Amino acid sequence: MNAEELLNRYAAGERNFRDTDLFRAELSNVNLSGANLFRANLFRANLFRANLLGVSLFNSTLIGANLYCANLSGADLSGANLTRADLTGADLSGADLSGADLSGAILTHANLSYADLTRANLMRAELVDAALSHAKFQGANLKGANFAGALLQNAKLTQIIGLTPARILELKEQGAIFDAAPTAEVNSKVGSRE
């Protein structure tokens, strides 16, 4: 299915586009709010400023996708592959990103308030000046993630992987709440299983 066919079907009232192949599709500034794109292939798709409010992208492939300033508020991105995706300025408030792969993703100035990042992979992700208040990071991999200037008020970081004690102190100063279990202990247990 190409972008034009998708938009025509959406305009006609269709919302179920599960397993759709939209490889490198041009979808900038489109409105697909409420659509079901379960397991869709959006590899390197251009979704610049797209309205994806409440969209289901469960287990979808968004590797290298351009989601600059896209509205993904309340979207289901659980299990999605967003490796190296550009989410600069995107609205991901209240989004479900549990189990998502955001390694190397650019989330500079993104809004992730109240987002669920349980078991998400944020290795080397850019979270510069991101809004992360009340976000949930249980079991997330934060190795090499850049949190410079990020707002972490009441963000809950439990059983985190990949943070040094110095990094934990920095994030606490930015407002993050850590569980009582020392991260170094968690990391050594993870390392011993490998």
C-alpha atoms as a PDB file:
ATOM      1  CA  MET A   1       0.000   0.000   0.000  1.00  0.00           C
ATOM      2  CA  ASN A   2       1.343   3.443  -0.859  1.00  0.00           C
ATOM      3  CA  ALA A   3       0.793   6.651   1.107  1.00  0.00           C
ATOM      4  CA  GLU A   4      -1.898   7.940  -1.273  1.00  0.00           C
ATOM      5  CA  GLU A   5      -3.985   4.760  -0.967  1.00  0.00           C
ATOM      6  CA  LEU A   6      -3.621   4.810   2.826  1.00  0.00           C
ATOM      7  CA  LEU A   7      -4.822   8.420   3.041  1.00  0.00           C
ATOM      8  CA  ASN A   8      -7.752   7.795   0.659  1.00  0.00           C
ATOM      9  CA  ARG A   9      -8.880   4.806   2.721  1.00  0.00           C
ATOM     10  CA  TYR A  10      -8.461   6.779   5.957  1.00  0.00           C
ATOM     11  CA  ALA A  11     -10.530   9.642   4.479  1.00  0.00           C
ATOM     12  CA  ALA A  12     -13.237   7.084   3.596  1.00  0.00           C
ATOM     13  CA  GLY A  13     -13.465   6.088   7.269  1.00  0.00           C
ATOM     14  CA  GLU A  14     -11.174   3.052   7.393  1.00  0.00           C
ATOM     15  CA  ARG A  15      -8.956   2.866  10.489  1.00  0.00           C
ATOM     16  CA  ASN A  16      -7.503  -0.663  10.432  1.00  0.00           C
ATOM     17  CA  PHE A  17      -4.152  -0.756   8.614  1.00  0.00           C
ATOM     18  CA  ARG A  18      -2.437  -3.539  10.546  1.00  0.00           C
ATOM     19  CA  ASP A  19       0.589  -5.220   8.905  1.00  0.00           C
ATOM     20  CA  THR A  20       0.709  -2.477   6.240  1.00  0.00           C
ATOM     21  CA  ASP A  21       3.992  -1.953   4.385  1.00  0.00           C
ATOM     22  CA  LEU A  22       4.732   1.793   4.252  1.00  0.00           C
ATOM     23  CA  PHE A  23       8.482   1.504   3.656  1.00  0.00           C
ATOM     24  CA  ARG A  24       9.911   5.038   3.163  1.00  0.00           C
ATOM     25  CA  ALA A  25       6.368   6.446   2.793  1.00  0.00           C
ATOM     26  CA  GLU A  26       5.906  10.222   2.484  1.00  0.00           C
ATOM     27  CA  LEU A  27       3.390  11.066   5.220  1.00  0.00           C
ATOM     28  CA  SER A  28       4.426  14.517   6.403  1.00  0.00           C
ATOM     29  CA  ASN A  29       1.650  16.676   7.903  1.00  0.00           C
ATOM     30  CA  VAL A  30      -0.966  13.897   7.561  1.00  0.00           C
ATOM     31  CA  ASN A  31      -3.777  13.197  10.025  1.00  0.00           C
ATOM     32  CA  LEU A  32      -3.994   9.508  10.944  1.00  0.00           C
ATOM     33  CA  SER A  33      -5.313   9.993  14.492  1.00  0.00           C
ATOM     34  CA  GLY A  34      -6.950   6.872  15.920  1.00  0.00           C
ATOM     35  CA  ALA A  35      -5.598   4.585  13.169  1.00  0.00           C
ATOM     36  CA  ASN A  36      -4.476   1.018  13.846  1.00  0.00           C
ATOM     37  CA  LEU A  37      -0.977   0.545  12.392  1.00  0.00           C
ATOM     38  CA  PHE A  38      -0.258  -2.602  14.403  1.00  0.00           C
ATOM     39  CA  ARG A  39       2.986  -4.228  13.117  1.00  0.00           C
ATOM     40  CA  ALA A  40       3.192  -1.717  10.223  1.00  0.00           C
ATOM     41  CA  ASN A  41       6.493  -1.253   8.389  1.00  0.00           C
ATOM     42  CA  LEU A  42       7.326   2.461   8.491  1.00  0.00           C
ATOM     43  CA  PHE A  43      11.067   2.034   7.983  1.00  0.00           C
ATOM     44  CA  ARG A  44      12.526   5.503   7.219  1.00  0.00           C
ATOM     45  CA  ALA A  45       9.000   6.882   6.652  1.00  0.00           C
ATOM     46  CA  ASN A  46       8.592  10.663   6.723  1.00  0.00           C
ATOM     47  CA  LEU A  47       5.981  11.508   9.378  1.00  0.00           C
ATOM     48  CA  PHE A  48       7.138  15.095   9.886  1.00  0.00           C
ATOM     49  CA  ARG A  49       4.481  16.953  11.943  1.00  0.00           C
ATOM     50  CA  ALA A  50       2.003  14.072  11.447  1.00  0.00           C
ATOM     51  CA  ASN A  51      -1.056  13.865  13.715  1.00  0.00           C
ATOM     52  CA  LEU A  52      -0.827  10.355  15.194  1.00  0.00           C
ATOM     53  CA  LEU A  53      -2.905  11.056  18.300  1.00  0.00           C
ATOM     54  CA  GLY A  54      -3.925   7.771  19.947  1.00  0.00           C
ATOM     55  CA  VAL A  55      -2.563   5.666  17.062  1.00  0.00           C
ATOM     56  CA  SER A  56      -1.687   2.000  17.652  1.00  0.00           C
ATOM     57  CA  LEU A  57       1.846   1.321  16.429  1.00  0.00           C
ATOM     58  CA  PHE A  58       2.251  -1.808  18.540  1.00  0.00           C
ATOM     59  CA  ASN A  59       5.298  -3.827  17.351  1.00  0.00           C
ATOM     60  CA  SER A  60       5.717  -1.515  14.347  1.00  0.00           C
ATOM     61  CA  THR A  61       9.014  -0.830  12.580  1.00  0.00           C
ATOM     62  CA  LEU A  62       9.937   2.853  12.617  1.00  0.00           C
ATOM     63  CA  ILE A  63      13.707   2.497  12.201  1.00  0.00           C
ATOM     64  CA  GLY A  64      15.163   5.820  11.074  1.00  0.00           C
ATOM     65  CA  ALA A  65      11.688   7.354  10.692  1.00  0.00           C
ATOM     66  CA  ASN A  66      11.273  11.132  10.706  1.00  0.00           C
ATOM     67  CA  LEU A  67       8.761  11.944  13.461  1.00  0.00           C
ATOM     68  CA  TYR A  68       9.938  15.517  13.966  1.00  0.00           C
ATOM     69  CA  CYS A  69       7.231  17.428  15.919  1.00  0.00           C
ATOM     70  CA  ALA A  70       4.736  14.574  15.364  1.00  0.00           C
ATOM     71  CA  ASN A  71       1.762  14.292  17.737  1.00  0.00           C
ATOM     72  CA  LEU A  72       1.952  10.815  19.288  1.00  0.00           C
ATOM     73  CA  SER A  73       0.102  11.745  22.466  1.00  0.00           C
ATOM     74  CA  GLY A  74      -1.559   8.659  23.956  1.00  0.00           C
ATOM     75  CA  ALA A  75      -0.196   6.433  21.169  1.00  0.00           C
ATOM     76  CA  ASP A  76       0.566   2.737  21.693  1.00  0.00           C
ATOM     77  CA  LEU A  77       4.199   2.258  20.664  1.00  0.00           C
ATOM     78  CA  SER A  78       4.795  -0.762  22.874  1.00  0.00           C
ATOM     79  CA  GLY A  79       7.322  -3.122  21.308  1.00  0.00           C
ATOM     80  CA  ALA A  80       7.955  -0.696  18.429  1.00  0.00           C
ATOM     81  CA  ASN A  81      11.398  -0.398  16.870  1.00  0.00           C
ATOM     82  CA  LEU A  82      12.326   3.297  16.834  1.00  0.00           C
ATOM     83  CA  THR A  83      16.081   2.802  16.470  1.00  0.00           C
ATOM     84  CA  ARG A  84      17.689   6.055  15.287  1.00  0.00           C
ATOM     85  CA  ALA A  85      14.258   7.655  14.727  1.00  0.00           C
ATOM     86  CA  ASP A  86      14.080  11.459  14.847  1.00  0.00           C
ATOM     87  CA  LEU A  87      11.487  12.417  17.460  1.00  0.00           C
ATOM     88  CA  THR A  88      12.756  15.963  17.987  1.00  0.00           C
ATOM     89  CA  GLY A  89       9.951  18.057  19.507  1.00  0.00           C
ATOM     90  CA  ALA A  90       7.468  15.169  19.270  1.00  0.00           C
ATOM     91  CA  ASP A  91       4.538  14.968  21.697  1.00  0.00           C
ATOM     92  CA  LEU A  92       4.668  11.516  23.320  1.00  0.00           C
ATOM     93  CA  SER A  93       2.791  12.532  26.468  1.00  0.00           C
ATOM     94  CA  GLY A  94       0.953   9.560  27.938  1.00  0.00           C
ATOM     95  CA  ALA A  95       2.291   7.251  25.215  1.00  0.00           C
ATOM     96  CA  ASP A  96       2.943   3.566  25.868  1.00  0.00           C
ATOM     97  CA  LEU A  97       6.575   2.893  24.903  1.00  0.00           C
ATOM     98  CA  SER A  98       6.962  -0.208  27.044  1.00  0.00           C
ATOM     99  CA  GLY A  99       9.459  -2.601  25.499  1.00  0.00           C
ATOM    100  CA  ALA A 100      10.178  -0.152  22.651  1.00  0.00           C
ATOM    101  CA  ASP A 101      13.653   0.117  21.124  1.00  0.00           C
ATOM    102  CA  LEU A 102      14.676   3.775  21.161  1.00  0.00           C
ATOM    103  CA  SER A 103      18.410   3.147  20.909  1.00  0.00           C
ATOM    104  CA  GLY A 104      20.118   6.065  19.216  1.00  0.00           C
ATOM    105  CA  ALA A 105      16.786   7.906  18.866  1.00  0.00           C
ATOM    106  CA  ILE A 106      16.713  11.708  18.956  1.00  0.00           C
ATOM    107  CA  LEU A 107      14.184  12.891  21.551  1.00  0.00           C
ATOM    108  CA  THR A 108      15.534  16.417  21.991  1.00  0.00           C
ATOM    109  CA  HIS A 109      12.759  18.777  23.210  1.00  0.00           C
ATOM    110  CA  ALA A 110      10.264  15.863  23.073  1.00  0.00           C
ATOM    111  CA  ASN A 111       7.382  15.700  25.560  1.00  0.00           C
ATOM    112  CA  LEU A 112       7.369  12.310  27.311  1.00  0.00           C
ATOM    113  CA  SER A 113       5.387  13.402  30.378  1.00  0.00           C
ATOM    114  CA  TYR A 114       3.443  10.467  31.866  1.00  0.00           C
ATOM    115  CA  ALA A 115       4.878   8.122  29.183  1.00  0.00           C
ATOM    116  CA  ASP A 116       5.423   4.447  30.043  1.00  0.00           C
ATOM    117  CA  LEU A 117       9.017   3.455  29.173  1.00  0.00           C
ATOM    118  CA  THR A 118       9.013   0.170  31.087  1.00  0.00           C
ATOM    119  CA  ARG A 119      11.800  -2.105  29.735  1.00  0.00           C
ATOM    120  CA  ALA A 120      12.464   0.377  26.896  1.00  0.00           C
ATOM    121  CA  ASN A 121      15.928   0.462  25.331  1.00  0.00           C
ATOM    122  CA  LEU A 122      17.169   4.063  25.422  1.00  0.00           C
ATOM    123  CA  MET A 123      20.827   3.232  24.864  1.00  0.00           C
ATOM    124  CA  ARG A 124      22.618   6.315  23.469  1.00  0.00           C
ATOM    125  CA  ALA A 125      19.263   8.123  23.050  1.00  0.00           C
ATOM    126  CA  GLU A 126      19.340  11.928  22.961  1.00  0.00           C
ATOM    127  CA  LEU A 127      16.921  13.277  25.587  1.00  0.00           C
ATOM    128  CA  VAL A 128      18.349  16.800  25.718  1.00  0.00           C
ATOM    129  CA  ASP A 129      15.786  19.277  27.139  1.00  0.00           C
ATOM    130  CA  ALA A 130      13.081  16.578  27.006  1.00  0.00           C
ATOM    131  CA  ALA A 131      10.041  16.805  29.310  1.00  0.00           C
ATOM    132  CA  LEU A 132      10.004  13.551  31.294  1.00  0.00           C
ATOM    133  CA  SER A 133       7.937  14.466  34.336  1.00  0.00           C
ATOM    134  CA  HIS A 134       5.984  11.515  35.779  1.00  0.00           C
ATOM    135  CA  ALA A 135       7.430   9.161  33.113  1.00  0.00           C
ATOM    136  CA  LYS A 136       7.958   5.533  34.161  1.00  0.00           C
ATOM    137  CA  PHE A 137      11.350   3.948  33.381  1.00  0.00           C
ATOM    138  CA  GLN A 138      11.091   0.563  35.121  1.00  0.00           C
ATOM    139  CA  GLY A 139      13.797  -1.836  33.883  1.00  0.00           C
ATOM    140  CA  ALA A 140      14.847   0.559  31.096  1.00  0.00           C
ATOM    141  CA  ASN A 141      18.329   0.524  29.549  1.00  0.00           C
ATOM    142  CA  LEU A 142      19.728   4.058  29.872  1.00  0.00           C
ATOM    143  CA  LYS A 143      23.365   3.309  29.008  1.00  0.00           C
ATOM    144  CA  GLY A 144      24.911   6.306  27.278  1.00  0.00           C
ATOM    145  CA  ALA A 145      21.589   8.221  27.173  1.00  0.00           C
ATOM    146  CA  ASN A 146      21.976  12.017  27.222  1.00  0.00           C
ATOM    147  CA  PHE A 147      19.637  13.702  29.734  1.00  0.00           C
ATOM    148  CA  ALA A 148      21.224  17.185  29.594  1.00  0.00           C
ATOM    149  CA  GLY A 149      18.626  19.792  30.565  1.00  0.00           C
ATOM    150  CA  ALA A 150      15.833  17.191  30.761  1.00  0.00           C
ATOM    151  CA  LEU A 151      12.945  17.827  33.169  1.00  0.00           C
ATOM    152  CA  LEU A 152      12.602  14.708  35.324  1.00  0.00           C
ATOM    153  CA  GLN A 153      10.232  15.861  38.090  1.00  0.00           C
ATOM    154  CA  ASN A 154       8.638  12.757  39.614  1.00  0.00           C
ATOM    155  CA  ALA A 155       9.972  10.496  36.857  1.00  0.00           C
ATOM    156  CA  LYS A 156      10.227   7.002  38.356  1.00  0.00           C
ATOM    157  CA  LEU A 157      13.443   5.086  37.612  1.00  0.00           C
ATOM    158  CA  THR A 158      13.354   1.569  39.051  1.00  0.00           C
ATOM    159  CA  GLN A 159      15.638  -1.390  38.273  1.00  0.00           C
ATOM    160  CA  ILE A 160      17.450   0.753  35.700  1.00  0.00           C
ATOM    161  CA  ILE A 161      20.301  -0.636  33.600  1.00  0.00           C
ATOM    162  CA  GLY A 162      23.409   1.270  32.541  1.00  0.00           C
ATOM    163  CA  LEU A 163      23.681   4.236  34.929  1.00  0.00           C
ATOM    164  CA  THR A 164      26.790   5.083  36.925  1.00  0.00           C
ATOM    165  CA  PRO A 165      26.412   6.294  40.543  1.00  0.00           C
ATOM    166  CA  ALA A 166      27.497   9.784  39.390  1.00  0.00           C
ATOM    167  CA  ARG A 167      24.809   9.747  36.672  1.00  0.00           C
ATOM    168  CA  ILE A 168      22.187   8.698  39.231  1.00  0.00           C
ATOM    169  CA  LEU A 169      23.103  11.696  41.395  1.00  0.00           C
ATOM    170  CA  GLU A 170      22.793  14.045  38.395  1.00  0.00           C
ATOM    171  CA  LEU A 171      19.362  12.674  37.492  1.00  0.00           C
ATOM    172  CA  LYS A 172      18.202  12.928  41.113  1.00  0.00           C
ATOM    173  CA  GLU A 173      19.184  16.603  41.009  1.00  0.00           C
ATOM    174  CA  GLN A 174      17.014  16.933  37.879  1.00  0.00           C
ATOM    175  CA  GLY A 175      14.034  15.580  39.861  1.00  0.00           C
ATOM    176  CA  ALA A 176      14.116  11.829  39.145  1.00  0.00           C
ATOM    177  CA  ILE A 177      12.934   9.372  41.807  1.00  0.00           C
ATOM    178  CA  PHE A 178      14.975   6.168  42.153  1.00  0.00           C
ATOM    179  CA  ASP A 179      13.994   2.957  43.904  1.00  0.00           C
ATOM    180  CA  ALA A 180      15.883   1.847  46.990  1.00  0.00           C
ATOM    181  CA  ALA A 181      17.766  -0.941  45.181  1.00  0.00           C
ATOM    182  CA  PRO A 182      21.242   0.262  44.223  1.00  0.00           C
ATOM    183  CA  THR A 183      21.694   0.351  40.446  1.00  0.00           C
ATOM    184  CA  ALA A 184      25.267  -0.984  40.638  1.00  0.00           C
ATOM    185  CA  GLU A 185      23.882  -4.157  42.211  1.00  0.00           C
ATOM    186  CA  VAL A 186      21.276  -4.498  39.448  1.00  0.00           C
ATOM    187  CA  ASN A 187      23.968  -4.010  36.786  1.00  0.00           C
ATOM    188  CA  SER A 188      26.261  -6.647  38.298  1.00  0.00           C
ATOM    189  CA  LYS A 189      23.403  -9.151  38.359  1.00  0.00           C
ATOM    190  CA  VAL A 190      22.575  -8.381  34.704  1.00  0.00           C
ATOM    191  CA  GLY A 191      26.280  -8.701  33.792  1.00  0.00           C
ATOM    192  CA  SER A 192      26.578 -12.097  35.495  1.00  0.00           C
ATOM    193  CA  ARG A 193      23.751 -13.502  33.379  1.00  0.00           C
ATOM    194  CA  GLU A 194      25.407 -12.536  30.091  1.00  0.00           C
END
